[in-house]
Structure formats: structure tokens, C-alpha cells
Amino acid sequence: NFVVDVMVRRDNTYAAQQPQEQPAPPPPPPPPPPLVVPEGEEVVPDSPVADAAAVEPPGASSPLMSMGGTFEQQRALLQEMLRDMPLVSDRMDIRELEHYNADVPYVQAKVRTLAARYRHMRKIKGDGNCFLRGFSVGMLEGLLLSGDRELTQQIFSTLLESVNSLIGAGFADFVVEDFHETVMRVIGGVLERTLTVEAMIADFRVPYISEYFVTYLRFLISVYLQMNAEGFA
């Protein structure tokens, strides 16, 4: 019985050690559709544009969709488009928005509404900080153009005291002091009328100044959300 038992276990072990039959590999994906180039146009081979055009879906209308290609190709093209764009543009006529989605009625209705209220606009680089940068530039330019010293003094005082709220909420003073100093320098220039609109825009085109201003606003938003958590649950 002992010999039989050993032989059975040996046979089972041998069988377990035998290589199992591997499943057949999946079939290769179908080849991409051929590149269709309109008559009279030429696409340079092996270029990102050629790669994007080769996989562009028919009927694509949005700028992102018209890029086609893989996500990495789209990302590279977007980065190239944004590379030379300033953080804040020069003042532009609001009617330039009429060229944006000109064939979409509800967008054009919104453009007409904006044009009825505003005459000018500025483009803000879409780098993740565009909302707060646009808010900051709009607020500061509005204060400079209006000359409302009372409102400017109120905003100056609020920002001056705001650093105490940050420290009270747990921020270390050495973490926030550089950001706070940058903000106070800019808003102080607005209050004392030593900063022109052109100089303020030039400041916000300097990455570290723009990012310091935006970062300080993010600090303030963070503390406000913490102090009013019940309203954002």
C-alpha cells in the first residue's frame, strides 16, 4: 500500500508539473482606415498632423475631436497650441466671440447677451488656474478703471487681515507669507494708484506672480470651505 501510495502521488505530481495547454492568442486588431486627403491638399508623412488626420472620425466638428489621434497625440497638440499663448491676452473686442461656434444657435444667443453688456474681453490661458486668474484680473482691472477708492480700500483691508484667518486655520506663517506679500503688493499698487492696467496685466503674465496670487486665493477658499462645511456637505 505504501508503494502504491507513493507511485500515485508521484504520478499526480508529474501530471501537475506538465505544461498546460495555453489558450490561443486573440486575433490582431483590424488595420486603421486609410487616410483620405482632399484633392489638392497634401499631408506630410510621419508627422503628428498626418497621424491625427489618419484617425479623424468623419463629421468631427469640435477642435478636440478634429485633432483625432490617440490621447497622447491630442495632449501633445494641445500643449503645442498653448505653449505660446500668454497667461492673459490684450484687450479684445467682445464681438470676436461671434466666430466661436458660429453654427450653434444657443451659443450665439449667449454671445449676443454678453455683447449687449460688455464691449471688451481678455483671453485667459487654460492651464488649470484660468478661473481664479480671470477673476483676479477682472477684479483688479475693474478697480483701476472705476477709481472706486472706497471699494479698493475695503478689499485691501480684507486681504491684509485674511492671513490671520489662514494661520488660525492651521497654515504655517512661513508657508503663506510669500503669497500674501505678493497679493498685498499688487492690491496696494491699485489702492495707491501706482499700478496701471498695463502694468497689472504685465504682472499677471509673469508666471510666479500670477500663480502666487491664484494660490493665495486657493488658500482662502480652502479655509472658507472648512469654516462653512455644513453648507457644502
C-alpha atoms as a PDB file:
ATOM      1  CA  ASN A   1       0.000   0.000   0.000  1.00  0.00           C
ATOM      2  CA  PHE A   2       2.866   2.329   0.816  1.00  0.00           C
ATOM      3  CA  VAL A   3       4.453   1.724  -2.605  1.00  0.00           C
ATOM      4  CA  VAL A   4       1.158   2.213  -4.397  1.00  0.00           C
ATOM      5  CA  ASP A   5       0.508   5.400  -2.478  1.00  0.00           C
ATOM      6  CA  VAL A   6       3.940   6.805  -3.365  1.00  0.00           C
ATOM      7  CA  MET A   7       3.510   5.935  -7.034  1.00  0.00           C
ATOM      8  CA  VAL A   8       0.090   7.570  -7.155  1.00  0.00           C
ATOM      9  CA  ARG A   9       1.398  10.730  -5.542  1.00  0.00           C
ATOM     10  CA  ARG A  10       4.381  10.703  -7.911  1.00  0.00           C
ATOM     11  CA  ASP A  11       2.102  10.354 -10.922  1.00  0.00           C
ATOM     12  CA  ASN A  12      -0.140  13.168  -9.689  1.00  0.00           C
ATOM     13  CA  THR A  13       2.867  15.407  -9.095  1.00  0.00           C
ATOM     14  CA  TYR A  14       4.220  14.599 -12.532  1.00  0.00           C
ATOM     15  CA  ALA A  15       0.863  15.390 -14.103  1.00  0.00           C
ATOM     16  CA  ALA A  16       0.661  18.687 -12.198  1.00  0.00           C
ATOM     17  CA  GLN A  17       4.110  19.650 -13.438  1.00  0.00           C
ATOM     18  CA  GLN A  18       3.271  19.117 -17.084  1.00  0.00           C
ATOM     19  CA  PRO A  19       2.844  22.355 -19.048  1.00  0.00           C
ATOM     20  CA  GLN A  20      -0.777  23.227 -19.526  1.00  0.00           C
ATOM     21  CA  GLU A  21      -2.078  23.951 -22.964  1.00  0.00           C
ATOM     22  CA  GLN A  22      -2.085  27.724 -23.492  1.00  0.00           C
ATOM     23  CA  PRO A  23      -5.165  29.418 -24.955  1.00  0.00           C
ATOM     24  CA  ALA A  24      -4.834  30.728 -28.466  1.00  0.00           C
ATOM     25  CA  PRO A  25      -3.790  34.403 -28.668  1.00  0.00           C
ATOM     26  CA  PRO A  26      -6.515  36.895 -29.582  1.00  0.00           C
ATOM     27  CA  PRO A  27      -6.723  37.887 -33.231  1.00  0.00           C
ATOM     28  CA  PRO A  28      -4.844  41.094 -34.187  1.00  0.00           C
ATOM     29  CA  PRO A  29      -6.886  44.318 -34.330  1.00  0.00           C
ATOM     30  CA  PRO A  30      -8.160  45.396 -37.742  1.00  0.00           C
ATOM     31  CA  PRO A  31      -5.935  47.848 -39.641  1.00  0.00           C
ATOM     32  CA  PRO A  32      -6.796  51.580 -39.343  1.00  0.00           C
ATOM     33  CA  PRO A  33      -8.907  53.130 -42.074  1.00  0.00           C
ATOM     34  CA  PRO A  34      -6.961  54.644 -44.950  1.00  0.00           C
ATOM     35  CA  LEU A  35      -6.105  58.329 -44.821  1.00  0.00           C
ATOM     36  CA  VAL A  36      -8.380  60.338 -47.091  1.00  0.00           C
ATOM     37  CA  VAL A  37      -6.780  63.591 -48.243  1.00  0.00           C
ATOM     38  CA  PRO A  38      -8.948  66.098 -50.159  1.00  0.00           C
ATOM     39  CA  GLU A  39      -7.861  66.741 -53.705  1.00  0.00           C
ATOM     40  CA  GLY A  40      -5.276  69.483 -53.924  1.00  0.00           C
ATOM     41  CA  GLU A  41      -4.099  69.101 -50.311  1.00  0.00           C
ATOM     42  CA  GLU A  42      -1.013  67.357 -49.054  1.00  0.00           C
ATOM     43  CA  VAL A  43      -0.210  65.785 -45.680  1.00  0.00           C
ATOM     44  CA  VAL A  44       3.443  65.258 -44.811  1.00  0.00           C
ATOM     45  CA  PRO A  45       4.054  61.571 -43.934  1.00  0.00           C
ATOM     46  CA  ASP A  46       5.080  60.613 -40.402  1.00  0.00           C
ATOM     47  CA  SER A  47       4.011  63.982 -38.965  1.00  0.00           C
ATOM     48  CA  PRO A  48       1.644  64.401 -35.950  1.00  0.00           C
ATOM     49  CA  VAL A  49      -0.858  66.076 -38.268  1.00  0.00           C
ATOM     50  CA  ALA A  50      -0.773  63.097 -40.595  1.00  0.00           C
ATOM     51  CA  ASP A  51      -1.271  60.701 -37.668  1.00  0.00           C
ATOM     52  CA  ALA A  52      -4.180  62.783 -36.374  1.00  0.00           C
ATOM     53  CA  ALA A  53      -5.793  63.066 -39.801  1.00  0.00           C
ATOM     54  CA  ALA A  54      -5.478  59.331 -40.375  1.00  0.00           C
ATOM     55  CA  VAL A  55      -7.814  58.524 -37.486  1.00  0.00           C
ATOM     56  CA  GLU A  56     -10.073  61.559 -37.545  1.00  0.00           C
ATOM     57  CA  PRO A  57     -13.684  60.379 -37.257  1.00  0.00           C
ATOM     58  CA  PRO A  58     -15.979  61.524 -40.042  1.00  0.00           C
ATOM     59  CA  GLY A  59     -18.110  64.508 -39.177  1.00  0.00           C
ATOM     60  CA  ALA A  60     -15.964  65.639 -36.258  1.00  0.00           C
ATOM     61  CA  SER A  61     -16.724  69.293 -35.541  1.00  0.00           C
ATOM     62  CA  SER A  62     -15.157  70.289 -32.210  1.00  0.00           C
ATOM     63  CA  PRO A  63     -11.497  71.394 -32.115  1.00  0.00           C
ATOM     64  CA  LEU A  64     -10.587  68.497 -29.829  1.00  0.00           C
ATOM     65  CA  MET A  65     -12.349  65.899 -31.952  1.00  0.00           C
ATOM     66  CA  SER A  66     -10.885  67.300 -35.146  1.00  0.00           C
ATOM     67  CA  MET A  67      -7.428  66.546 -33.777  1.00  0.00           C
ATOM     68  CA  GLY A  68      -8.120  62.833 -33.833  1.00  0.00           C
ATOM     69  CA  GLY A  69      -5.264  60.528 -32.861  1.00  0.00           C
ATOM     70  CA  THR A  70      -4.566  58.974 -29.512  1.00  0.00           C
ATOM     71  CA  PHE A  71      -4.948  60.769 -26.200  1.00  0.00           C
ATOM     72  CA  GLU A  72      -1.199  61.381 -26.078  1.00  0.00           C
ATOM     73  CA  GLN A  73      -1.254  62.873 -29.581  1.00  0.00           C
ATOM     74  CA  GLN A  74      -4.156  65.151 -28.660  1.00  0.00           C
ATOM     75  CA  ARG A  75      -2.390  66.183 -25.465  1.00  0.00           C
ATOM     76  CA  ALA A  76       0.825  66.990 -27.338  1.00  0.00           C
ATOM     77  CA  LEU A  77      -1.070  69.082 -29.903  1.00  0.00           C
ATOM     78  CA  LEU A  78      -2.939  70.974 -27.168  1.00  0.00           C
ATOM     79  CA  GLN A  79       0.294  71.687 -25.309  1.00  0.00           C
ATOM     80  CA  GLU A  80       1.857  72.979 -28.513  1.00  0.00           C
ATOM     81  CA  MET A  81      -1.148  75.245 -29.091  1.00  0.00           C
ATOM     82  CA  LEU A  82      -0.949  76.631 -25.533  1.00  0.00           C
ATOM     83  CA  ARG A  83       2.824  76.973 -25.354  1.00  0.00           C
ATOM     84  CA  ASP A  84       2.984  80.424 -26.955  1.00  0.00           C
ATOM     85  CA  MET A  85      -0.311  81.711 -25.540  1.00  0.00           C
ATOM     86  CA  PRO A  86       0.146  84.418 -22.868  1.00  0.00           C
ATOM     87  CA  LEU A  87      -1.415  83.898 -19.445  1.00  0.00           C
ATOM     88  CA  VAL A  88      -3.545  86.999 -20.087  1.00  0.00           C
ATOM     89  CA  SER A  89      -4.255  88.414 -23.545  1.00  0.00           C
ATOM     90  CA  ASP A  90      -4.550  92.014 -24.662  1.00  0.00           C
ATOM     91  CA  ARG A  91      -7.988  93.586 -24.571  1.00  0.00           C
ATOM     92  CA  MET A  92     -10.151  92.284 -27.401  1.00  0.00           C
ATOM     93  CA  ASP A  93     -13.479  93.302 -28.910  1.00  0.00           C
ATOM     94  CA  ILE A  94     -16.239  91.164 -27.406  1.00  0.00           C
ATOM     95  CA  ARG A  95     -17.666  90.625 -30.900  1.00  0.00           C
ATOM     96  CA  GLU A  96     -14.774  88.314 -31.688  1.00  0.00           C
ATOM     97  CA  LEU A  97     -16.772  85.680 -29.829  1.00  0.00           C
ATOM     98  CA  GLU A  98     -19.202  85.653 -32.754  1.00  0.00           C
ATOM     99  CA  HIS A  99     -16.731  83.411 -34.598  1.00  0.00           C
ATOM    100  CA  TYR A 100     -16.913  80.816 -31.819  1.00  0.00           C
ATOM    101  CA  ASN A 101     -19.326  78.005 -32.761  1.00  0.00           C
ATOM    102  CA  ALA A 102     -20.937  80.289 -35.309  1.00  0.00           C
ATOM    103  CA  ASP A 103     -23.269  77.481 -36.437  1.00  0.00           C
ATOM    104  CA  VAL A 104     -24.668  76.744 -32.942  1.00  0.00           C
ATOM    105  CA  PRO A 105     -27.716  78.946 -32.249  1.00  0.00           C
ATOM    106  CA  TYR A 106     -27.767  78.730 -28.437  1.00  0.00           C
ATOM    107  CA  VAL A 107     -24.061  79.654 -28.240  1.00  0.00           C
ATOM    108  CA  GLN A 108     -24.630  82.658 -30.489  1.00  0.00           C
ATOM    109  CA  ALA A 109     -27.555  83.709 -28.279  1.00  0.00           C
ATOM    110  CA  LYS A 110     -25.215  83.754 -25.276  1.00  0.00           C
ATOM    111  CA  VAL A 111     -22.644  85.717 -27.268  1.00  0.00           C
ATOM    112  CA  ARG A 112     -25.281  88.353 -28.099  1.00  0.00           C
ATOM    113  CA  THR A 113     -26.221  88.573 -24.417  1.00  0.00           C
ATOM    114  CA  LEU A 114     -22.589  89.169 -23.464  1.00  0.00           C
ATOM    115  CA  ALA A 115     -22.107  91.706 -26.261  1.00  0.00           C
ATOM    116  CA  ALA A 116     -25.128  93.673 -25.023  1.00  0.00           C
ATOM    117  CA  ARG A 117     -23.467  94.111 -21.606  1.00  0.00           C
ATOM    118  CA  TYR A 118     -19.726  94.157 -22.314  1.00  0.00           C
ATOM    119  CA  ARG A 119     -17.617  95.722 -25.034  1.00  0.00           C
ATOM    120  CA  HIS A 120     -14.267  94.063 -24.390  1.00  0.00           C
ATOM    121  CA  MET A 121     -12.773  90.827 -23.114  1.00  0.00           C
ATOM    122  CA  ARG A 122      -9.446  89.165 -22.415  1.00  0.00           C
ATOM    123  CA  LYS A 123      -8.493  85.582 -23.102  1.00  0.00           C
ATOM    124  CA  ILE A 124      -7.062  83.622 -20.164  1.00  0.00           C
ATOM    125  CA  LYS A 125      -4.734  80.697 -20.733  1.00  0.00           C
ATOM    126  CA  GLY A 126      -6.491  77.438 -19.850  1.00  0.00           C
ATOM    127  CA  ASP A 127      -3.864  75.885 -17.615  1.00  0.00           C
ATOM    128  CA  GLY A 128      -5.986  74.887 -14.614  1.00  0.00           C
ATOM    129  CA  ASN A 129      -5.710  78.296 -12.953  1.00  0.00           C
ATOM    130  CA  CYS A 130      -7.749  80.161 -15.557  1.00  0.00           C
ATOM    131  CA  PHE A 131     -10.876  80.780 -13.450  1.00  0.00           C
ATOM    132  CA  LEU A 132      -9.113  82.362 -10.475  1.00  0.00           C
ATOM    133  CA  ARG A 133      -6.664  84.215 -12.722  1.00  0.00           C
ATOM    134  CA  GLY A 134      -9.545  85.580 -14.794  1.00  0.00           C
ATOM    135  CA  PHE A 135     -11.409  86.584 -11.622  1.00  0.00           C
ATOM    136  CA  SER A 136      -8.325  88.355 -10.246  1.00  0.00           C
ATOM    137  CA  VAL A 137      -7.557  90.238 -13.464  1.00  0.00           C
ATOM    138  CA  GLY A 138     -11.198  91.238 -13.894  1.00  0.00           C
ATOM    139  CA  MET A 139     -11.456  92.489 -10.307  1.00  0.00           C
ATOM    140  CA  LEU A 140      -8.205  94.461 -10.431  1.00  0.00           C
ATOM    141  CA  GLU A 141      -8.867  95.956 -13.869  1.00  0.00           C
ATOM    142  CA  GLY A 142     -12.369  96.935 -12.750  1.00  0.00           C
ATOM    143  CA  LEU A 143     -10.969  98.710  -9.671  1.00  0.00           C
ATOM    144  CA  LEU A 144      -8.343 100.521 -11.735  1.00  0.00           C
ATOM    145  CA  LEU A 145     -10.819 101.702 -14.361  1.00  0.00           C
ATOM    146  CA  SER A 146     -13.547 102.684 -11.907  1.00  0.00           C
ATOM    147  CA  GLY A 147     -11.297 104.554  -9.486  1.00  0.00           C
ATOM    148  CA  ASP A 148     -13.541 103.386  -6.620  1.00  0.00           C
ATOM    149  CA  ARG A 149     -11.151 104.033  -3.743  1.00  0.00           C
ATOM    150  CA  GLU A 150     -13.656 103.052  -1.051  1.00  0.00           C
ATOM    151  CA  LEU A 151     -14.187  99.589  -2.544  1.00  0.00           C
ATOM    152  CA  THR A 152     -10.459  99.180  -3.189  1.00  0.00           C
ATOM    153  CA  GLN A 153      -9.695 100.084   0.441  1.00  0.00           C
ATOM    154  CA  GLN A 154     -12.262  97.529   1.625  1.00  0.00           C
ATOM    155  CA  ILE A 155     -10.708  94.780  -0.488  1.00  0.00           C
ATOM    156  CA  PHE A 156      -7.207  95.831   0.605  1.00  0.00           C
ATOM    157  CA  SER A 157      -8.155  95.648   4.302  1.00  0.00           C
ATOM    158  CA  THR A 158      -9.885  92.293   3.873  1.00  0.00           C
ATOM    159  CA  LEU A 159      -6.874  90.764   2.159  1.00  0.00           C
ATOM    160  CA  LEU A 160      -4.497  92.307   4.694  1.00  0.00           C
ATOM    161  CA  GLU A 161      -6.328  90.652   7.607  1.00  0.00           C
ATOM    162  CA  SER A 162      -7.008  87.400   5.761  1.00  0.00           C
ATOM    163  CA  VAL A 163      -3.581  85.983   6.584  1.00  0.00           C
ATOM    164  CA  ASN A 164      -4.649  85.757  10.245  1.00  0.00           C
ATOM    165  CA  SER A 165      -7.576  83.536   9.231  1.00  0.00           C
ATOM    166  CA  LEU A 166      -5.198  81.240   7.371  1.00  0.00           C
ATOM    167  CA  ILE A 167      -2.826  80.958  10.323  1.00  0.00           C
ATOM    168  CA  GLY A 168      -5.764  80.426  12.678  1.00  0.00           C
ATOM    169  CA  ALA A 169      -6.970  77.588  10.441  1.00  0.00           C
ATOM    170  CA  GLY A 170      -3.616  75.803  10.722  1.00  0.00           C
ATOM    171  CA  PHE A 171      -1.495  77.229   7.915  1.00  0.00           C
ATOM    172  CA  ALA A 172       2.096  77.903   8.953  1.00  0.00           C
ATOM    173  CA  ASP A 173       3.002  81.566   8.596  1.00  0.00           C
ATOM    174  CA  PHE A 174       6.164  80.782   6.614  1.00  0.00           C
ATOM    175  CA  VAL A 175       4.026  78.851   4.111  1.00  0.00           C
ATOM    176  CA  VAL A 176       1.633  81.689   3.308  1.00  0.00           C
ATOM    177  CA  GLU A 177       3.717  84.828   3.880  1.00  0.00           C
ATOM    178  CA  ASP A 178       5.342  84.983   0.425  1.00  0.00           C
ATOM    179  CA  PHE A 179       1.991  84.516  -1.310  1.00  0.00           C
ATOM    180  CA  HIS A 180       0.377  87.122   0.954  1.00  0.00           C
ATOM    181  CA  GLU A 181       3.152  89.661   0.299  1.00  0.00           C
ATOM    182  CA  THR A 182       2.722  89.279  -3.475  1.00  0.00           C
ATOM    183  CA  VAL A 183      -1.038  89.810  -3.229  1.00  0.00           C
ATOM    184  CA  MET A 184      -0.642  92.874  -0.997  1.00  0.00           C
ATOM    185  CA  ARG A 185       1.966  94.389  -3.298  1.00  0.00           C
ATOM    186  CA  VAL A 186      -0.422  94.163  -6.249  1.00  0.00           C
ATOM    187  CA  ILE A 187      -3.576  95.336  -4.458  1.00  0.00           C
ATOM    188  CA  GLY A 188      -1.523  98.061  -2.732  1.00  0.00           C
ATOM    189  CA  GLY A 189      -0.453  99.370  -6.121  1.00  0.00           C
ATOM    190  CA  VAL A 190      -4.104  99.526  -7.145  1.00  0.00           C
ATOM    191  CA  LEU A 191      -5.042 101.384  -3.958  1.00  0.00           C
ATOM    192  CA  GLU A 192      -2.224 103.913  -4.222  1.00  0.00           C
ATOM    193  CA  ARG A 193      -2.768 104.342  -7.981  1.00  0.00           C
ATOM    194  CA  THR A 194       0.883 103.487  -8.658  1.00  0.00           C
ATOM    195  CA  LEU A 195      -0.161 100.493 -10.784  1.00  0.00           C
ATOM    196  CA  THR A 196      -1.662 100.994 -14.228  1.00  0.00           C
ATOM    197  CA  VAL A 197      -3.834  98.492 -16.084  1.00  0.00           C
ATOM    198  CA  GLU A 198      -0.943  97.761 -18.444  1.00  0.00           C
ATOM    199  CA  ALA A 199       1.472  97.158 -15.555  1.00  0.00           C
ATOM    200  CA  MET A 200      -1.033  94.923 -13.767  1.00  0.00           C
ATOM    201  CA  ILE A 201      -1.537  92.815 -16.908  1.00  0.00           C
ATOM    202  CA  ALA A 202       2.240  92.595 -17.325  1.00  0.00           C
ATOM    203  CA  ASP A 203       2.482  91.340 -13.724  1.00  0.00           C
ATOM    204  CA  PHE A 204      -0.096  88.629 -14.364  1.00  0.00           C
ATOM    205  CA  ARG A 205       1.831  87.489 -17.425  1.00  0.00           C
ATOM    206  CA  VAL A 206       4.757  86.652 -15.135  1.00  0.00           C
ATOM    207  CA  PRO A 207       4.102  83.032 -14.092  1.00  0.00           C
ATOM    208  CA  TYR A 208       5.252  83.266 -10.491  1.00  0.00           C
ATOM    209  CA  ILE A 209       3.247  86.445  -9.752  1.00  0.00           C
ATOM    210  CA  SER A 210       0.117  85.049 -11.360  1.00  0.00           C
ATOM    211  CA  GLU A 211       0.490  81.696  -9.609  1.00  0.00           C
ATOM    212  CA  TYR A 212       1.206  83.296  -6.222  1.00  0.00           C
ATOM    213  CA  PHE A 213      -1.959  85.390  -6.488  1.00  0.00           C
ATOM    214  CA  VAL A 214      -4.040  82.384  -7.553  1.00  0.00           C
ATOM    215  CA  THR A 215      -2.517  80.134  -4.876  1.00  0.00           C
ATOM    216  CA  TYR A 216      -3.357  82.628  -2.134  1.00  0.00           C
ATOM    217  CA  LEU A 217      -6.970  82.704  -3.317  1.00  0.00           C
ATOM    218  CA  ARG A 218      -6.992  78.901  -3.185  1.00  0.00           C
ATOM    219  CA  PHE A 219      -5.823  79.104   0.439  1.00  0.00           C
ATOM    220  CA  LEU A 220      -8.705  81.453   1.259  1.00  0.00           C
ATOM    221  CA  ILE A 221     -11.239  79.226  -0.497  1.00  0.00           C
ATOM    222  CA  SER A 222      -9.944  76.203   1.396  1.00  0.00           C
ATOM    223  CA  VAL A 223     -10.387  77.934   4.768  1.00  0.00           C
ATOM    224  CA  TYR A 224     -13.840  79.210   3.829  1.00  0.00           C
ATOM    225  CA  LEU A 225     -14.946  75.692   2.886  1.00  0.00           C
ATOM    226  CA  GLN A 226     -13.626  74.361   6.192  1.00  0.00           C
ATOM    227  CA  MET A 227     -15.415  77.063   8.205  1.00  0.00           C
ATOM    228  CA  ASN A 228     -18.680  76.540   6.303  1.00  0.00           C
ATOM    229  CA  ALA A 229     -18.526  72.779   5.767  1.00  0.00           C
ATOM    230  CA  GLU A 230     -22.215  72.312   6.562  1.00  0.00           C
ATOM    231  CA  GLY A 231     -23.160  74.324   3.514  1.00  0.00           C
ATOM    232  CA  PHE A 232     -21.114  72.099   1.190  1.00  0.00           C
ATOM    233  CA  ALA A 233     -21.951  68.653   2.571  1.00  0.00           C
END
